[in-house]
Structures are given as C-alpha cells and as structure tokens.
Amino acid sequence: MDACGQSGGLWLLWREEIGELEVVKSSDQFIHARIGNRAEVINLVAVYAAPSPSRRSGLWAALEEVLRNAEGPVFVGGDFNTIVRIDERSGGNGRLSEDSLKFGDWINDMSLIDMGFHGNQFTWKRGKTESTFVAKRLDR
C-alpha cells in the first residue's frame, strides 16, 4: 500500500519457496493475505494502525470483518499504535484511553490470543525528561 504524504504505507515481503501468497484484501492500515497451498492455508493479517485514534476509526470493524470471513488459522500482527494494559506503558496519566479500551474489547470479541514477545518491554518512546517521558508497547 502506498504512503499518504509522509506517513503510512505497508509492504508485505514474501519468499515464494515458503508457499503461495494471495493478497485477499488491503487498506491503508492492513494487508490480509492467504498463504500456503490448496491443502493447507494460513491467513496472515499485517497491521500498521494509524497513529491517531481519529485516523484509526473503523479499523477494528474492518479487521473484524476480515477475521470473521477468514477460513482456517489466522495470525494478526503489527503496530497497532495503542495498548491494552497499563503495564504496557511507562509514564503518562496512568489510565487507559477510550481507544485502548476499544482495542482490548476487539481482542476479546475476536477471541485472539496474545502470543507474547521477546525483547524490549516497550517498542516506542518519546520525551527526554521525566516529566515528558512516555514509553509504550505498540507492536504485537
């Protein structure tokens, strides 16, 4: 998907020897692809959610449609630009935003399982002083 100005844009790179890839649906915030052969198929949904809640509007509903219509196993991952739990943030006001609550509800409604991660606790940081520092786990 092409970038809009200085932001966005998605790439999905694939090695043919792993299996055939068919892009089923794409938008400016996700790519849904089917991977495999006729006997065995896996759905992959790569997400780069817009950084502002207003620009993310409608993303959860669009992804819900993709997941409900997918046949076979589904893997969803990427940069969702929001968190689910307070412990996924350092700094800030100590509360979850309305957008974070909606994201958590979407994960539960879709019966998704967070597979965990290895590496740094936070995937995004901003601010240099204690009063302005915020770090979050935005990637899943």
C-alpha atoms as a PDB file:
ATOM      1  CA  MET A   1       0.000   0.000   0.000  1.00  0.00           C
ATOM      2  CA  ASP A   2       1.351   3.405  -0.906  1.00  0.00           C
ATOM      3  CA  ALA A   3       2.169   6.009   1.717  1.00  0.00           C
ATOM      4  CA  CYS A   4      -0.041   9.070   2.143  1.00  0.00           C
ATOM      5  CA  GLY A   5       2.307  12.038   2.190  1.00  0.00           C
ATOM      6  CA  GLN A   6       4.986  11.410   4.812  1.00  0.00           C
ATOM      7  CA  SER A   7       3.169   8.662   6.717  1.00  0.00           C
ATOM      8  CA  GLY A   8       1.775   5.195   6.325  1.00  0.00           C
ATOM      9  CA  GLY A   9       2.463   2.708   3.602  1.00  0.00           C
ATOM     10  CA  LEU A  10       2.668  -1.058   4.015  1.00  0.00           C
ATOM     11  CA  TRP A  11       4.909  -3.679   2.489  1.00  0.00           C
ATOM     12  CA  LEU A  12       4.464  -7.413   2.699  1.00  0.00           C
ATOM     13  CA  LEU A  13       7.589  -9.245   1.568  1.00  0.00           C
ATOM     14  CA  TRP A  14       7.447 -12.952   0.868  1.00  0.00           C
ATOM     15  CA  ARG A  15       9.686 -15.807  -0.286  1.00  0.00           C
ATOM     16  CA  GLU A  16       7.936 -17.995  -2.850  1.00  0.00           C
ATOM     17  CA  GLU A  17       9.623 -21.193  -1.634  1.00  0.00           C
ATOM     18  CA  ILE A  18       7.659 -20.935   1.632  1.00  0.00           C
ATOM     19  CA  GLY A  19       4.333 -21.160  -0.184  1.00  0.00           C
ATOM     20  CA  GLU A  20       1.989 -19.290  -2.460  1.00  0.00           C
ATOM     21  CA  LEU A  21       0.741 -15.908  -1.273  1.00  0.00           C
ATOM     22  CA  GLU A  22      -2.523 -14.306  -2.309  1.00  0.00           C
ATOM     23  CA  VAL A  23      -3.468 -10.826  -1.116  1.00  0.00           C
ATOM     24  CA  VAL A  24      -7.145 -11.110  -0.212  1.00  0.00           C
ATOM     25  CA  LYS A  25      -7.825  -7.580   0.999  1.00  0.00           C
ATOM     26  CA  SER A  26      -5.798  -4.490   1.760  1.00  0.00           C
ATOM     27  CA  SER A  27      -6.328  -0.989   3.054  1.00  0.00           C
ATOM     28  CA  ASP A  28      -4.129   1.873   4.177  1.00  0.00           C
ATOM     29  CA  GLN A  29      -3.846   0.158   7.614  1.00  0.00           C
ATOM     30  CA  PHE A  30      -3.655  -3.594   6.932  1.00  0.00           C
ATOM     31  CA  ILE A  31      -2.947  -6.343   4.419  1.00  0.00           C
ATOM     32  CA  HIS A  32      -4.787  -9.672   4.599  1.00  0.00           C
ATOM     33  CA  ALA A  33      -3.039 -12.485   2.751  1.00  0.00           C
ATOM     34  CA  ARG A  34      -3.642 -16.221   2.384  1.00  0.00           C
ATOM     35  CA  ILE A  35      -0.503 -18.317   2.459  1.00  0.00           C
ATOM     36  CA  GLY A  36       0.019 -21.956   1.577  1.00  0.00           C
ATOM     37  CA  ASN A  37      -1.235 -24.449  -0.933  1.00  0.00           C
ATOM     38  CA  ARG A  38      -4.668 -25.865  -1.690  1.00  0.00           C
ATOM     39  CA  ALA A  39      -4.487 -28.405   1.160  1.00  0.00           C
ATOM     40  CA  GLU A  40      -3.238 -26.104   3.917  1.00  0.00           C
ATOM     41  CA  VAL A  41      -3.847 -22.359   4.187  1.00  0.00           C
ATOM     42  CA  ILE A  42      -2.920 -19.806   6.847  1.00  0.00           C
ATOM     43  CA  ASN A  43      -4.317 -16.280   6.938  1.00  0.00           C
ATOM     44  CA  LEU A  44      -1.859 -13.505   7.756  1.00  0.00           C
ATOM     45  CA  VAL A  45      -3.065 -10.016   8.658  1.00  0.00           C
ATOM     46  CA  ALA A  46      -0.248  -7.440   8.831  1.00  0.00           C
ATOM     47  CA  VAL A  47      -1.335  -4.220  10.546  1.00  0.00           C
ATOM     48  CA  TYR A  48       0.073  -0.716  10.709  1.00  0.00           C
ATOM     49  CA  ALA A  49      -2.635   1.233  12.524  1.00  0.00           C
ATOM     50  CA  ALA A  50      -2.725   4.981  12.060  1.00  0.00           C
ATOM     51  CA  PRO A  51      -1.019   6.854  14.919  1.00  0.00           C
ATOM     52  CA  SER A  52      -4.073   8.906  15.926  1.00  0.00           C
ATOM     53  CA  PRO A  53      -7.348   7.420  17.214  1.00  0.00           C
ATOM     54  CA  SER A  54      -9.393   9.515  14.780  1.00  0.00           C
ATOM     55  CA  ARG A  55      -7.454   8.126  11.792  1.00  0.00           C
ATOM     56  CA  ARG A  56      -7.785   4.578  13.224  1.00  0.00           C
ATOM     57  CA  SER A  57     -11.573   4.986  13.271  1.00  0.00           C
ATOM     58  CA  GLY A  58     -13.195   1.990  11.612  1.00  0.00           C
ATOM     59  CA  LEU A  59     -10.066  -0.182  11.694  1.00  0.00           C
ATOM     60  CA  TRP A  60     -11.347  -2.599  14.341  1.00  0.00           C
ATOM     61  CA  ALA A  61     -14.635  -3.090  12.426  1.00  0.00           C
ATOM     62  CA  ALA A  62     -12.769  -3.668   9.140  1.00  0.00           C
ATOM     63  CA  LEU A  63     -10.459  -6.209  10.789  1.00  0.00           C
ATOM     64  CA  GLU A  64     -13.436  -7.904  12.458  1.00  0.00           C
ATOM     65  CA  GLU A  65     -14.955  -8.474   9.013  1.00  0.00           C
ATOM     66  CA  VAL A  66     -11.659  -9.934   7.751  1.00  0.00           C
ATOM     67  CA  LEU A  67     -11.346 -12.293  10.725  1.00  0.00           C
ATOM     68  CA  ARG A  68     -14.966 -13.461  10.624  1.00  0.00           C
ATOM     69  CA  ASN A  69     -14.689 -14.273   6.895  1.00  0.00           C
ATOM     70  CA  ALA A  70     -11.278 -15.979   7.065  1.00  0.00           C
ATOM     71  CA  GLU A  71     -11.247 -19.743   6.651  1.00  0.00           C
ATOM     72  CA  GLY A  72      -8.532 -21.548   8.583  1.00  0.00           C
ATOM     73  CA  PRO A  73      -5.979 -20.310  11.111  1.00  0.00           C
ATOM     74  CA  VAL A  74      -5.358 -16.557  11.364  1.00  0.00           C
ATOM     75  CA  PHE A  75      -2.239 -14.728  12.541  1.00  0.00           C
ATOM     76  CA  VAL A  76      -2.616 -10.997  13.210  1.00  0.00           C
ATOM     77  CA  GLY A  77       0.383  -8.820  13.996  1.00  0.00           C
ATOM     78  CA  GLY A  78       1.947  -5.445  13.550  1.00  0.00           C
ATOM     79  CA  ASP A  79       1.951  -1.963  15.010  1.00  0.00           C
ATOM     80  CA  PHE A  80      -1.470  -1.245  16.500  1.00  0.00           C
ATOM     81  CA  ASN A  81      -0.454   2.156  17.913  1.00  0.00           C
ATOM     82  CA  THR A  82      -2.379   1.542  21.115  1.00  0.00           C
ATOM     83  CA  ILE A  83      -2.027  -0.551  24.259  1.00  0.00           C
ATOM     84  CA  VAL A  84      -4.292  -2.961  26.139  1.00  0.00           C
ATOM     85  CA  ARG A  85      -2.999  -2.779  29.727  1.00  0.00           C
ATOM     86  CA  ILE A  86      -1.471  -0.096  31.950  1.00  0.00           C
ATOM     87  CA  ASP A  87       1.709  -2.174  32.383  1.00  0.00           C
ATOM     88  CA  GLU A  88       2.347  -1.745  28.633  1.00  0.00           C
ATOM     89  CA  ARG A  89       3.165   1.920  29.276  1.00  0.00           C
ATOM     90  CA  SER A  90       5.672   3.865  31.344  1.00  0.00           C
ATOM     91  CA  GLY A  91       4.849   7.496  32.074  1.00  0.00           C
ATOM     92  CA  GLY A  92       1.678   9.256  31.051  1.00  0.00           C
ATOM     93  CA  ASN A  93      -1.502   9.714  33.057  1.00  0.00           C
ATOM     94  CA  GLY A  94      -1.885   6.166  34.425  1.00  0.00           C
ATOM     95  CA  ARG A  95      -5.216   5.481  32.668  1.00  0.00           C
ATOM     96  CA  LEU A  96      -6.195   3.635  29.514  1.00  0.00           C
ATOM     97  CA  SER A  97      -7.641   5.761  26.729  1.00  0.00           C
ATOM     98  CA  GLU A  98     -11.053   5.073  25.216  1.00  0.00           C
ATOM     99  CA  ASP A  99      -9.234   3.803  22.120  1.00  0.00           C
ATOM    100  CA  SER A 100      -7.192   1.345  24.216  1.00  0.00           C
ATOM    101  CA  LEU A 101     -10.379   0.046  25.838  1.00  0.00           C
ATOM    102  CA  LYS A 102     -11.963  -0.460  22.394  1.00  0.00           C
ATOM    103  CA  PHE A 103      -8.827  -2.299  21.227  1.00  0.00           C
ATOM    104  CA  GLY A 104      -8.971  -4.604  24.250  1.00  0.00           C
ATOM    105  CA  ASP A 105     -12.683  -5.269  23.642  1.00  0.00           C
ATOM    106  CA  TRP A 106     -11.909  -6.071  19.990  1.00  0.00           C
ATOM    107  CA  ILE A 107      -9.193  -8.568  21.001  1.00  0.00           C
ATOM    108  CA  ASN A 108     -11.630 -10.265  23.393  1.00  0.00           C
ATOM    109  CA  ASP A 109     -14.562 -10.214  20.934  1.00  0.00           C
ATOM    110  CA  MET A 110     -12.385 -11.847  18.265  1.00  0.00           C
ATOM    111  CA  SER A 111     -11.059 -14.450  20.777  1.00  0.00           C
ATOM    112  CA  LEU A 112      -7.493 -13.517  19.859  1.00  0.00           C
ATOM    113  CA  ILE A 113      -4.584 -14.795  21.931  1.00  0.00           C
ATOM    114  CA  ASP A 114      -1.525 -12.630  22.548  1.00  0.00           C
ATOM    115  CA  MET A 115       1.426 -14.919  21.835  1.00  0.00           C
ATOM    116  CA  GLY A 116       3.775 -12.765  23.908  1.00  0.00           C
ATOM    117  CA  PHE A 117       7.100 -11.381  22.804  1.00  0.00           C
ATOM    118  CA  HIS A 118      10.839 -11.361  23.466  1.00  0.00           C
ATOM    119  CA  GLY A 119      12.900  -8.214  23.613  1.00  0.00           C
ATOM    120  CA  ASN A 120      12.467  -4.726  24.980  1.00  0.00           C
ATOM    121  CA  GLN A 121       9.409  -4.179  27.143  1.00  0.00           C
ATOM    122  CA  PHE A 122       8.457  -1.085  25.123  1.00  0.00           C
ATOM    123  CA  THR A 123       8.534  -0.651  21.336  1.00  0.00           C
ATOM    124  CA  TRP A 124       8.034   3.147  21.236  1.00  0.00           C
ATOM    125  CA  LYS A 125       9.454   6.007  23.325  1.00  0.00           C
ATOM    126  CA  ARG A 126       9.063   9.795  23.437  1.00  0.00           C
ATOM    127  CA  GLY A 127      10.432  12.565  25.676  1.00  0.00           C
ATOM    128  CA  LYS A 128      13.781  13.061  27.332  1.00  0.00           C
ATOM    129  CA  THR A 129      12.907  14.371  30.785  1.00  0.00           C
ATOM    130  CA  GLU A 130      10.994  12.548  33.499  1.00  0.00           C
ATOM    131  CA  SER A 131       8.012  14.878  33.096  1.00  0.00           C
ATOM    132  CA  THR A 132       7.725  14.291  29.318  1.00  0.00           C
ATOM    133  CA  PHE A 133       8.899  10.662  29.014  1.00  0.00           C
ATOM    134  CA  VAL A 134       6.384   8.072  27.763  1.00  0.00           C
ATOM    135  CA  ALA A 135       7.118   4.561  26.514  1.00  0.00           C
ATOM    136  CA  LYS A 136       4.602   2.018  25.208  1.00  0.00           C
ATOM    137  CA  ARG A 137       4.357  -1.486  23.752  1.00  0.00           C
ATOM    138  CA  LEU A 138       2.583  -0.680  20.481  1.00  0.00           C
ATOM    139  CA  ASP A 139       3.690  -3.708  18.453  1.00  0.00           C
ATOM    140  CA  ARG A 140       2.078  -7.135  18.817  1.00  0.00           C
END
